[in-house]
Amino acid sequence: MLEVFKRDLSQNNKKLRKSGYILGLIYGPNLDKDIPIQIPKTPFLRFAEDNNNLSVDLLLDGEIKKCIITEIQSQPAFEGYTHINFKCIE
């Protein structure tokens, strides 16, 4: 399980990345609207090392969302991942 946090869209993306977060989005047919999130970088990197599949349980505001990773964006200038999309499957 990976804990993620809702992202305030008024915050500067560059500052969030420098603070150790990866930006992301949770979307899916069972959600009223897309949820912008920020993911702590170190726990995500540990998760990525330990898991070979794309399914993940996300803990958001005390609620578990079963998701699959649909897209990962990366740039070497940011030393790795810059944005991750998760599709909520439940």
N, C-alpha and C. Protein backbone atom coordinates (compact mmCIF):
# COMPACT_ATOMS: atom_id res chain seq x y z
N MET A 1 0.85 -1.18 0.00
CA MET A 1 0.00 0.00 0.00
C MET A 1 0.90 1.24 0.00
N LEU A 2 0.43 2.24 -0.71
CA LEU A 2 1.20 3.46 -0.87
C LEU A 2 0.33 4.64 -0.44
N GLU A 3 0.81 5.43 0.51
CA GLU A 3 0.05 6.60 0.96
C GLU A 3 0.31 7.78 0.03
N VAL A 4 -0.77 8.40 -0.43
CA VAL A 4 -0.69 9.57 -1.30
C VAL A 4 -1.53 10.69 -0.68
N PHE A 5 -1.32 11.91 -1.16
CA PHE A 5 -2.00 13.06 -0.60
C PHE A 5 -2.64 13.88 -1.71
N LYS A 6 -3.81 14.46 -1.43
CA LYS A 6 -4.43 15.36 -2.39
C LYS A 6 -3.51 16.55 -2.61
N ARG A 7 -3.46 16.99 -3.86
CA ARG A 7 -2.57 18.09 -4.22
C ARG A 7 -3.39 19.35 -4.42
N ASP A 8 -2.92 20.42 -3.82
CA ASP A 8 -3.52 21.74 -4.02
C ASP A 8 -2.98 22.29 -5.33
N LEU A 9 -3.87 22.50 -6.31
CA LEU A 9 -3.43 22.92 -7.63
C LEU A 9 -2.83 24.32 -7.66
N SER A 10 -3.00 25.08 -6.57
CA SER A 10 -2.39 26.41 -6.53
C SER A 10 -0.90 26.35 -6.16
N GLN A 11 -0.44 25.18 -5.67
CA GLN A 11 0.96 25.03 -5.31
C GLN A 11 1.82 24.91 -6.56
N ASN A 12 3.04 25.38 -6.47
CA ASN A 12 3.98 25.34 -7.57
C ASN A 12 4.52 23.92 -7.74
N ASN A 13 4.35 23.35 -8.94
CA ASN A 13 4.79 21.98 -9.21
C ASN A 13 6.29 21.80 -9.01
N LYS A 14 7.06 22.77 -9.43
CA LYS A 14 8.51 22.69 -9.30
C LYS A 14 8.93 22.60 -7.83
N LYS A 15 8.27 23.38 -6.98
CA LYS A 15 8.59 23.35 -5.55
C LYS A 15 8.21 22.01 -4.93
N LEU A 16 7.07 21.45 -5.36
CA LEU A 16 6.66 20.14 -4.85
C LEU A 16 7.69 19.08 -5.21
N ARG A 17 8.16 19.11 -6.45
CA ARG A 17 9.16 18.13 -6.87
C ARG A 17 10.45 18.29 -6.08
N LYS A 18 10.86 19.54 -5.86
CA LYS A 18 12.08 19.79 -5.08
C LYS A 18 11.91 19.37 -3.62
N SER A 19 10.67 19.36 -3.14
CA SER A 19 10.38 18.94 -1.77
C SER A 19 10.29 17.43 -1.63
N GLY A 20 10.48 16.69 -2.73
CA GLY A 20 10.50 15.24 -2.64
C GLY A 20 9.19 14.56 -3.01
N TYR A 21 8.38 15.20 -3.82
CA TYR A 21 7.11 14.61 -4.24
C TYR A 21 7.10 14.34 -5.74
N ILE A 22 6.37 13.31 -6.12
CA ILE A 22 6.05 13.03 -7.51
C ILE A 22 4.60 13.43 -7.69
N LEU A 23 4.29 14.12 -8.76
CA LEU A 23 2.92 14.53 -9.01
C LEU A 23 2.17 13.38 -9.67
N GLY A 24 0.86 13.36 -9.47
CA GLY A 24 0.08 12.28 -10.06
C GLY A 24 -1.38 12.63 -10.16
N LEU A 25 -2.13 11.67 -10.71
CA LEU A 25 -3.56 11.84 -10.92
C LEU A 25 -4.24 10.50 -10.76
N ILE A 26 -5.35 10.49 -10.02
CA ILE A 26 -6.19 9.30 -9.93
C ILE A 26 -7.45 9.59 -10.73
N TYR A 27 -7.80 8.68 -11.63
CA TYR A 27 -9.01 8.86 -12.43
C TYR A 27 -9.70 7.51 -12.57
N GLY A 28 -10.92 7.53 -13.04
CA GLY A 28 -11.63 6.28 -13.27
C GLY A 28 -13.12 6.50 -13.37
N PRO A 29 -13.83 5.50 -13.90
CA PRO A 29 -15.27 5.64 -14.12
C PRO A 29 -16.08 5.73 -12.83
N ASN A 30 -15.55 5.23 -11.73
CA ASN A 30 -16.30 5.25 -10.47
C ASN A 30 -16.04 6.51 -9.64
N LEU A 31 -15.23 7.41 -10.14
CA LEU A 31 -14.94 8.65 -9.43
C LEU A 31 -15.76 9.79 -10.02
N ASP A 32 -16.20 10.70 -9.16
CA ASP A 32 -16.96 11.86 -9.63
C ASP A 32 -16.09 12.76 -10.49
N LYS A 33 -14.82 12.91 -10.09
CA LYS A 33 -13.89 13.73 -10.86
C LYS A 33 -12.47 13.22 -10.61
N ASP A 34 -11.55 13.62 -11.47
CA ASP A 34 -10.15 13.24 -11.31
C ASP A 34 -9.60 13.86 -10.03
N ILE A 35 -8.67 13.15 -9.39
CA ILE A 35 -8.09 13.61 -8.13
C ILE A 35 -6.60 13.87 -8.34
N PRO A 36 -6.17 15.13 -8.33
CA PRO A 36 -4.73 15.41 -8.40
C PRO A 36 -4.07 15.04 -7.07
N ILE A 37 -2.94 14.36 -7.14
CA ILE A 37 -2.27 13.89 -5.92
C ILE A 37 -0.78 14.22 -5.97
N GLN A 38 -0.17 14.10 -4.79
CA GLN A 38 1.29 14.17 -4.67
C GLN A 38 1.71 12.92 -3.92
N ILE A 39 2.79 12.31 -4.41
CA ILE A 39 3.26 11.03 -3.89
C ILE A 39 4.65 11.24 -3.32
N PRO A 40 4.88 10.87 -2.05
CA PRO A 40 6.24 10.98 -1.52
C PRO A 40 7.19 10.10 -2.36
N LYS A 41 8.28 10.69 -2.81
CA LYS A 41 9.18 10.03 -3.75
C LYS A 41 9.82 8.76 -3.19
N THR A 42 10.38 8.82 -2.00
CA THR A 42 11.10 7.67 -1.44
C THR A 42 10.20 6.45 -1.27
N PRO A 43 9.01 6.57 -0.66
CA PRO A 43 8.15 5.39 -0.56
C PRO A 43 7.75 4.83 -1.92
N PHE A 44 7.54 5.70 -2.92
CA PHE A 44 7.18 5.19 -4.25
C PHE A 44 8.34 4.42 -4.86
N LEU A 45 9.56 4.92 -4.70
CA LEU A 45 10.72 4.22 -5.25
C LEU A 45 10.89 2.86 -4.60
N ARG A 46 10.65 2.78 -3.28
CA ARG A 46 10.70 1.48 -2.59
C ARG A 46 9.63 0.55 -3.13
N PHE A 47 8.42 1.08 -3.31
CA PHE A 47 7.32 0.29 -3.86
C PHE A 47 7.69 -0.23 -5.26
N ALA A 48 8.24 0.63 -6.10
CA ALA A 48 8.59 0.24 -7.47
C ALA A 48 9.67 -0.85 -7.48
N GLU A 49 10.61 -0.79 -6.55
CA GLU A 49 11.66 -1.81 -6.46
C GLU A 49 11.09 -3.16 -6.04
N ASP A 50 10.12 -3.15 -5.13
CA ASP A 50 9.60 -4.38 -4.55
C ASP A 50 8.47 -5.02 -5.34
N ASN A 51 7.89 -4.32 -6.31
CA ASN A 51 6.73 -4.83 -7.03
C ASN A 51 6.98 -4.86 -8.53
N ASN A 52 6.63 -5.99 -9.13
CA ASN A 52 6.81 -6.14 -10.57
C ASN A 52 5.53 -5.89 -11.35
N ASN A 53 4.42 -5.67 -10.66
CA ASN A 53 3.17 -5.46 -11.39
C ASN A 53 2.75 -4.00 -11.30
N LEU A 54 1.71 -3.67 -12.04
CA LEU A 54 1.26 -2.28 -12.11
C LEU A 54 0.09 -1.99 -11.19
N SER A 55 -0.39 -2.98 -10.45
CA SER A 55 -1.52 -2.73 -9.55
C SER A 55 -1.00 -2.25 -8.20
N VAL A 56 -1.76 -1.33 -7.60
CA VAL A 56 -1.33 -0.74 -6.34
C VAL A 56 -2.56 -0.31 -5.54
N ASP A 57 -2.48 -0.47 -4.23
CA ASP A 57 -3.50 0.07 -3.34
C ASP A 57 -2.99 1.42 -2.86
N LEU A 58 -3.78 2.47 -3.13
CA LEU A 58 -3.41 3.82 -2.69
C LEU A 58 -4.23 4.19 -1.47
N LEU A 59 -3.58 4.72 -0.45
CA LEU A 59 -4.26 5.21 0.74
C LEU A 59 -4.38 6.72 0.62
N LEU A 60 -5.62 7.20 0.44
CA LEU A 60 -5.88 8.62 0.26
C LEU A 60 -6.95 9.04 1.25
N ASP A 61 -6.62 9.93 2.16
CA ASP A 61 -7.56 10.42 3.17
C ASP A 61 -8.23 9.28 3.94
N GLY A 62 -7.45 8.27 4.30
CA GLY A 62 -7.97 7.16 5.09
C GLY A 62 -8.78 6.14 4.30
N GLU A 63 -8.88 6.30 2.99
CA GLU A 63 -9.64 5.39 2.14
C GLU A 63 -8.69 4.69 1.18
N ILE A 64 -8.86 3.37 1.04
CA ILE A 64 -8.02 2.60 0.13
C ILE A 64 -8.67 2.56 -1.25
N LYS A 65 -7.88 2.90 -2.26
CA LYS A 65 -8.35 2.86 -3.64
C LYS A 65 -7.48 1.87 -4.40
N LYS A 66 -8.12 0.87 -5.00
CA LYS A 66 -7.40 -0.10 -5.82
C LYS A 66 -7.20 0.50 -7.20
N CYS A 67 -5.95 0.57 -7.63
CA CYS A 67 -5.63 1.25 -8.88
C CYS A 67 -4.61 0.45 -9.68
N ILE A 68 -4.49 0.83 -10.94
CA ILE A 68 -3.40 0.34 -11.77
C ILE A 68 -2.66 1.57 -12.32
N ILE A 69 -1.37 1.42 -12.48
CA ILE A 69 -0.56 2.50 -13.04
C ILE A 69 -0.74 2.46 -14.55
N THR A 70 -1.19 3.57 -15.12
CA THR A 70 -1.42 3.61 -16.57
C THR A 70 -0.36 4.40 -17.31
N GLU A 71 0.31 5.31 -16.62
CA GLU A 71 1.35 6.10 -17.29
C GLU A 71 2.34 6.62 -16.26
N ILE A 72 3.60 6.52 -16.62
CA ILE A 72 4.68 7.08 -15.81
C ILE A 72 5.51 7.99 -16.70
N GLN A 73 5.64 9.25 -16.29
CA GLN A 73 6.47 10.20 -17.03
C GLN A 73 7.75 10.43 -16.24
N SER A 74 8.86 10.50 -16.95
CA SER A 74 10.13 10.75 -16.25
C SER A 74 11.00 11.67 -17.09
N GLN A 75 11.89 12.35 -16.39
CA GLN A 75 12.87 13.22 -17.03
C GLN A 75 14.17 13.13 -16.24
N PRO A 76 15.28 12.88 -16.91
CA PRO A 76 16.55 12.79 -16.19
C PRO A 76 16.89 14.06 -15.40
N ALA A 77 16.45 15.21 -15.87
CA ALA A 77 16.74 16.46 -15.15
C ALA A 77 16.12 16.48 -13.76
N PHE A 78 15.02 15.73 -13.57
CA PHE A 78 14.36 15.66 -12.27
C PHE A 78 14.76 14.40 -11.51
N GLU A 79 15.79 13.71 -12.00
CA GLU A 79 16.29 12.49 -11.37
C GLU A 79 15.19 11.46 -11.19
N GLY A 80 14.43 11.23 -12.24
CA GLY A 80 13.45 10.16 -12.18
C GLY A 80 12.06 10.57 -12.57
N TYR A 81 11.09 10.09 -11.81
CA TYR A 81 9.68 10.24 -12.16
C TYR A 81 9.19 11.66 -11.91
N THR A 82 8.36 12.16 -12.85
CA THR A 82 7.79 13.50 -12.69
C THR A 82 6.28 13.46 -12.55
N HIS A 83 5.62 12.43 -13.12
CA HIS A 83 4.16 12.35 -13.06
C HIS A 83 3.72 10.91 -13.25
N ILE A 84 2.71 10.49 -12.48
CA ILE A 84 2.20 9.12 -12.58
C ILE A 84 0.68 9.17 -12.60
N ASN A 85 0.08 8.46 -13.55
CA ASN A 85 -1.38 8.35 -13.62
C ASN A 85 -1.82 7.00 -13.09
N PHE A 86 -2.86 7.03 -12.26
CA PHE A 86 -3.43 5.82 -11.69
C PHE A 86 -4.89 5.72 -12.10
N LYS A 87 -5.30 4.57 -12.62
CA LYS A 87 -6.71 4.34 -12.94
C LYS A 87 -7.33 3.55 -11.81
N CYS A 88 -8.36 4.12 -11.20
CA CYS A 88 -9.07 3.47 -10.09
C CYS A 88 -9.95 2.37 -10.68
N ILE A 89 -9.78 1.13 -10.20
CA ILE A 89 -10.52 0.01 -10.78
C ILE A 89 -11.65 -0.49 -9.89
N GLU A 90 -11.85 0.12 -8.76
CA GLU A 90 -12.97 -0.25 -7.87
C GLU A 90 -13.69 0.98 -7.41
